[in-house]
Amino acid sequence: MTDKTVDARGLNCPLPILRARKAMNEIPVGGTLEVLSTDPGSKADFAAFARQTGNELLSSEQAGDCYRYVLRRNG
Protein backbone atom coordinates (compact mmCIF):
# COMPACT_ATOMS: atom_id res chain seq x y z
CA MET A 1 0.00 0.00 0.00
CA THR A 2 1.37 3.40 -0.97
CA ASP A 3 0.60 6.84 0.44
CA LYS A 4 -0.45 8.24 -2.93
CA THR A 5 -0.95 7.06 -6.52
CA VAL A 6 -0.40 9.10 -9.67
CA ASP A 7 -2.13 7.73 -12.75
CA ALA A 8 -0.11 9.13 -15.65
CA ARG A 9 -1.24 6.54 -18.20
CA GLY A 10 -1.67 8.07 -21.64
CA LEU A 11 0.71 10.95 -20.85
CA ASN A 12 4.10 11.39 -22.48
CA CYS A 13 7.34 12.75 -21.06
CA PRO A 14 7.74 15.04 -19.18
CA LEU A 15 4.20 14.94 -17.75
CA PRO A 16 4.54 11.71 -15.69
CA ILE A 17 7.67 13.10 -14.01
CA LEU A 18 6.08 16.50 -13.40
CA ARG A 19 3.02 14.89 -11.80
CA ALA A 20 5.24 12.61 -9.71
CA ARG A 21 7.31 15.57 -8.49
CA LYS A 22 4.17 17.44 -7.42
CA ALA A 23 2.73 14.37 -5.67
CA MET A 24 6.05 13.64 -3.93
CA ASN A 25 5.82 17.03 -2.23
CA GLU A 26 2.38 16.09 -0.89
CA ILE A 27 3.45 12.94 0.97
CA PRO A 28 5.43 12.75 4.21
CA VAL A 29 9.16 11.99 4.35
CA GLY A 30 9.45 8.21 4.35
CA GLY A 31 6.15 7.90 2.49
CA THR A 32 5.73 6.06 -0.79
CA LEU A 33 4.38 7.11 -4.14
CA GLU A 34 3.03 4.79 -6.84
CA VAL A 35 3.15 6.02 -10.43
CA LEU A 36 1.40 4.32 -13.36
CA SER A 37 2.60 5.20 -16.85
CA THR A 38 2.31 3.96 -20.42
CA ASP A 39 5.29 5.99 -21.70
CA PRO A 40 8.06 3.51 -22.66
CA GLY A 41 10.70 6.16 -21.90
CA SER A 42 9.47 6.47 -18.32
CA LYS A 43 11.74 3.64 -17.11
CA ALA A 44 14.89 5.69 -17.66
CA ASP A 45 13.08 8.88 -16.61
CA PHE A 46 12.07 7.56 -13.19
CA ALA A 47 15.50 6.07 -12.47
CA ALA A 48 17.04 9.48 -13.23
CA PHE A 49 14.31 11.29 -11.27
CA ALA A 50 15.08 9.21 -8.17
CA ARG A 51 18.84 9.87 -8.46
CA GLN A 52 18.42 13.60 -9.06
CA THR A 53 15.94 14.20 -6.25
CA GLY A 54 17.56 11.94 -3.65
CA ASN A 55 14.48 9.75 -3.44
CA GLU A 56 14.56 5.97 -3.72
CA LEU A 57 13.08 3.93 -6.57
CA LEU A 58 11.80 0.91 -4.65
CA SER A 59 10.37 -1.00 -7.60
CA SER A 60 9.87 -0.80 -11.34
CA GLU A 61 7.49 -3.27 -13.01
CA GLN A 62 5.89 -3.71 -16.40
CA ALA A 63 2.58 -5.43 -17.10
CA GLY A 64 1.64 -5.23 -20.76
CA ASP A 65 1.93 -1.61 -21.80
CA CYS A 66 1.68 -0.27 -18.24
CA TYR A 67 4.70 0.58 -16.14
CA ARG A 68 4.40 0.78 -12.34
CA TYR A 69 6.94 2.60 -10.19
CA VAL A 70 7.09 2.89 -6.42
CA LEU A 71 9.26 5.61 -4.94
CA ARG A 72 10.09 6.51 -1.33
CA ARG A 73 10.44 10.15 -0.35
CA ASN A 74 13.76 10.63 1.43
CA GLY A 75 13.73 14.33 1.99
C-alpha atoms as a PDB file:
ATOM      1  CA  MET A   1       0.000   0.000   0.000  1.00  0.00           C
ATOM      2  CA  THR A   2       1.367   3.399  -0.966  1.00  0.00           C
ATOM      3  CA  ASP A   3       0.597   6.837   0.444  1.00  0.00           C
ATOM      4  CA  LYS A   4      -0.446   8.236  -2.932  1.00  0.00           C
ATOM      5  CA  THR A   5      -0.953   7.060  -6.523  1.00  0.00           C
ATOM      6  CA  VAL A   6      -0.403   9.104  -9.669  1.00  0.00           C
ATOM      7  CA  ASP A   7      -2.135   7.728 -12.752  1.00  0.00           C
ATOM      8  CA  ALA A   8      -0.109   9.133 -15.647  1.00  0.00           C
ATOM      9  CA  ARG A   9      -1.241   6.536 -18.195  1.00  0.00           C
ATOM     10  CA  GLY A  10      -1.666   8.066 -21.637  1.00  0.00           C
ATOM     11  CA  LEU A  11       0.706  10.950 -20.851  1.00  0.00           C
ATOM     12  CA  ASN A  12       4.101  11.386 -22.477  1.00  0.00           C
ATOM     13  CA  CYS A  13       7.335  12.750 -21.058  1.00  0.00           C
ATOM     14  CA  PRO A  14       7.740  15.036 -19.184  1.00  0.00           C
ATOM     15  CA  LEU A  15       4.201  14.937 -17.752  1.00  0.00           C
ATOM     16  CA  PRO A  16       4.540  11.707 -15.692  1.00  0.00           C
ATOM     17  CA  ILE A  17       7.674  13.104 -14.009  1.00  0.00           C
ATOM     18  CA  LEU A  18       6.084  16.500 -13.396  1.00  0.00           C
ATOM     19  CA  ARG A  19       3.023  14.892 -11.804  1.00  0.00           C
ATOM     20  CA  ALA A  20       5.237  12.606  -9.709  1.00  0.00           C
ATOM     21  CA  ARG A  21       7.312  15.571  -8.485  1.00  0.00           C
ATOM     22  CA  LYS A  22       4.170  17.444  -7.417  1.00  0.00           C
ATOM     23  CA  ALA A  23       2.735  14.372  -5.671  1.00  0.00           C
ATOM     24  CA  MET A  24       6.052  13.640  -3.934  1.00  0.00           C
ATOM     25  CA  ASN A  25       5.818  17.025  -2.229  1.00  0.00           C
ATOM     26  CA  GLU A  26       2.375  16.085  -0.893  1.00  0.00           C
ATOM     27  CA  ILE A  27       3.453  12.938   0.965  1.00  0.00           C
ATOM     28  CA  PRO A  28       5.428  12.749   4.212  1.00  0.00           C
ATOM     29  CA  VAL A  29       9.156  11.994   4.345  1.00  0.00           C
ATOM     30  CA  GLY A  30       9.447   8.205   4.353  1.00  0.00           C
ATOM     31  CA  GLY A  31       6.152   7.901   2.493  1.00  0.00           C
ATOM     32  CA  THR A  32       5.734   6.057  -0.787  1.00  0.00           C
ATOM     33  CA  LEU A  33       4.379   7.110  -4.144  1.00  0.00           C
ATOM     34  CA  GLU A  34       3.033   4.789  -6.842  1.00  0.00           C
ATOM     35  CA  VAL A  35       3.152   6.022 -10.434  1.00  0.00           C
ATOM     36  CA  LEU A  36       1.403   4.319 -13.358  1.00  0.00           C
ATOM     37  CA  SER A  37       2.600   5.202 -16.848  1.00  0.00           C
ATOM     38  CA  THR A  38       2.307   3.959 -20.425  1.00  0.00           C
ATOM     39  CA  ASP A  39       5.289   5.988 -21.696  1.00  0.00           C
ATOM     40  CA  PRO A  40       8.064   3.507 -22.656  1.00  0.00           C
ATOM     41  CA  GLY A  41      10.699   6.161 -21.895  1.00  0.00           C
ATOM     42  CA  SER A  42       9.475   6.469 -18.324  1.00  0.00           C
ATOM     43  CA  LYS A  43      11.739   3.643 -17.113  1.00  0.00           C
ATOM     44  CA  ALA A  44      14.888   5.693 -17.662  1.00  0.00           C
ATOM     45  CA  ASP A  45      13.083   8.879 -16.612  1.00  0.00           C
ATOM     46  CA  PHE A  46      12.065   7.558 -13.187  1.00  0.00           C
ATOM     47  CA  ALA A  47      15.501   6.071 -12.474  1.00  0.00           C
ATOM     48  CA  ALA A  48      17.038   9.483 -13.229  1.00  0.00           C
ATOM     49  CA  PHE A  49      14.314  11.293 -11.266  1.00  0.00           C
ATOM     50  CA  ALA A  50      15.081   9.213  -8.166  1.00  0.00           C
ATOM     51  CA  ARG A  51      18.835   9.873  -8.455  1.00  0.00           C
ATOM     52  CA  GLN A  52      18.425  13.605  -9.062  1.00  0.00           C
ATOM     53  CA  THR A  53      15.937  14.195  -6.250  1.00  0.00           C
ATOM     54  CA  GLY A  54      17.561  11.944  -3.647  1.00  0.00           C
ATOM     55  CA  ASN A  55      14.482   9.750  -3.440  1.00  0.00           C
ATOM     56  CA  GLU A  56      14.560   5.967  -3.718  1.00  0.00           C
ATOM     57  CA  LEU A  57      13.082   3.932  -6.570  1.00  0.00           C
ATOM     58  CA  LEU A  58      11.804   0.906  -4.650  1.00  0.00           C
ATOM     59  CA  SER A  59      10.373  -0.998  -7.603  1.00  0.00           C
ATOM     60  CA  SER A  60       9.865  -0.804 -11.342  1.00  0.00           C
ATOM     61  CA  GLU A  61       7.495  -3.269 -13.012  1.00  0.00           C
ATOM     62  CA  GLN A  62       5.894  -3.710 -16.398  1.00  0.00           C
ATOM     63  CA  ALA A  63       2.584  -5.434 -17.103  1.00  0.00           C
ATOM     64  CA  GLY A  64       1.642  -5.226 -20.758  1.00  0.00           C
ATOM     65  CA  ASP A  65       1.929  -1.605 -21.803  1.00  0.00           C
ATOM     66  CA  CYS A  66       1.681  -0.270 -18.240  1.00  0.00           C
ATOM     67  CA  TYR A  67       4.700   0.578 -16.136  1.00  0.00           C
ATOM     68  CA  ARG A  68       4.403   0.778 -12.340  1.00  0.00           C
ATOM     69  CA  TYR A  69       6.936   2.603 -10.188  1.00  0.00           C
ATOM     70  CA  VAL A  70       7.086   2.887  -6.417  1.00  0.00           C
ATOM     71  CA  LEU A  71       9.263   5.608  -4.938  1.00  0.00           C
ATOM     72  CA  ARG A  72      10.089   6.507  -1.335  1.00  0.00           C
ATOM     73  CA  ARG A  73      10.439  10.149  -0.348  1.00  0.00           C
ATOM     74  CA  ASN A  74      13.757  10.628   1.428  1.00  0.00           C
ATOM     75  CA  GLY A  75      13.734  14.330   1.989  1.00  0.00           C
END
